[in-house]
Amino acid sequence: MKTICVSLVSLAIFPFVACSSGESDSEARPDKQATRAASQPATAPKVTAPAPEPASAPAPSPVAEPIDPVPAAPTAPGDTAAAGIVLVERDGVSLASLVIARGVELRKPVEPGTSFSLAAGNKLYAVMDVKNPSKETSELSVAWLPEGSDKERGAVTLSVGAQPKWKTWAYHSGFRKPGRWRAIVRDTDGEELGRATFDVTP
């Protein structure tokens, strides 16, 4: 009789970071940490009988190896050649990530991307992970700029709590026509922290 052992693999416990909303109801969790653990069975190896070899084996066909995607070259602020994300490296408050998405659920971006169809809705979110090494309260702003215009739309100011990491987001629902847009994030001095360039399609 053969015995198959199934082991349980425990996932690591991760703390959630504090977050705030781009709307007026920002919420921070400075002193509480939520934890989550899960387990799942490992897949047991399958034993199969070896297949008989043919009298004359055919020539092996080429195998496609997976290739790691090559990251896009960073673009300087003002470059509209391609949709993508540009983050500014600096001391003090800065962005660890910036994502454009259809929504936010459980403080995570929903349907992130660089191209969004108006047929699916005209409301988009800019979701940010903020680095705050000084652990001092601060603010940042998000504005939306259509290509070919110097008039920013839907500017909003967001609070950054006294925590080393902070998650926040803002949304804009003024997309009416197809085109290329940018979400621009700045600090309290108006210095750019990052931008996300994306396309709005019919």
Foldseek 3Di string as FASTA:
>chain_A
DDDWDKDKDKDDWDWDAFEFELDPGTGGDPPDTDTDMDIDIDDTDDDDDDDDDDPDDDDDDDDDDDDDDDDDDADDPPDQPDFFKDFDDDPAKAFPDKWKAPDADPLHGHHTDQEAECVVAQKIKIKTKMAGVQLDKFKKKKWKAFPPDPDTPDITMDIDGSDRIYIYMDMDRPDDAWGKMKIWMGTPVRHTRMMGIHTYHD
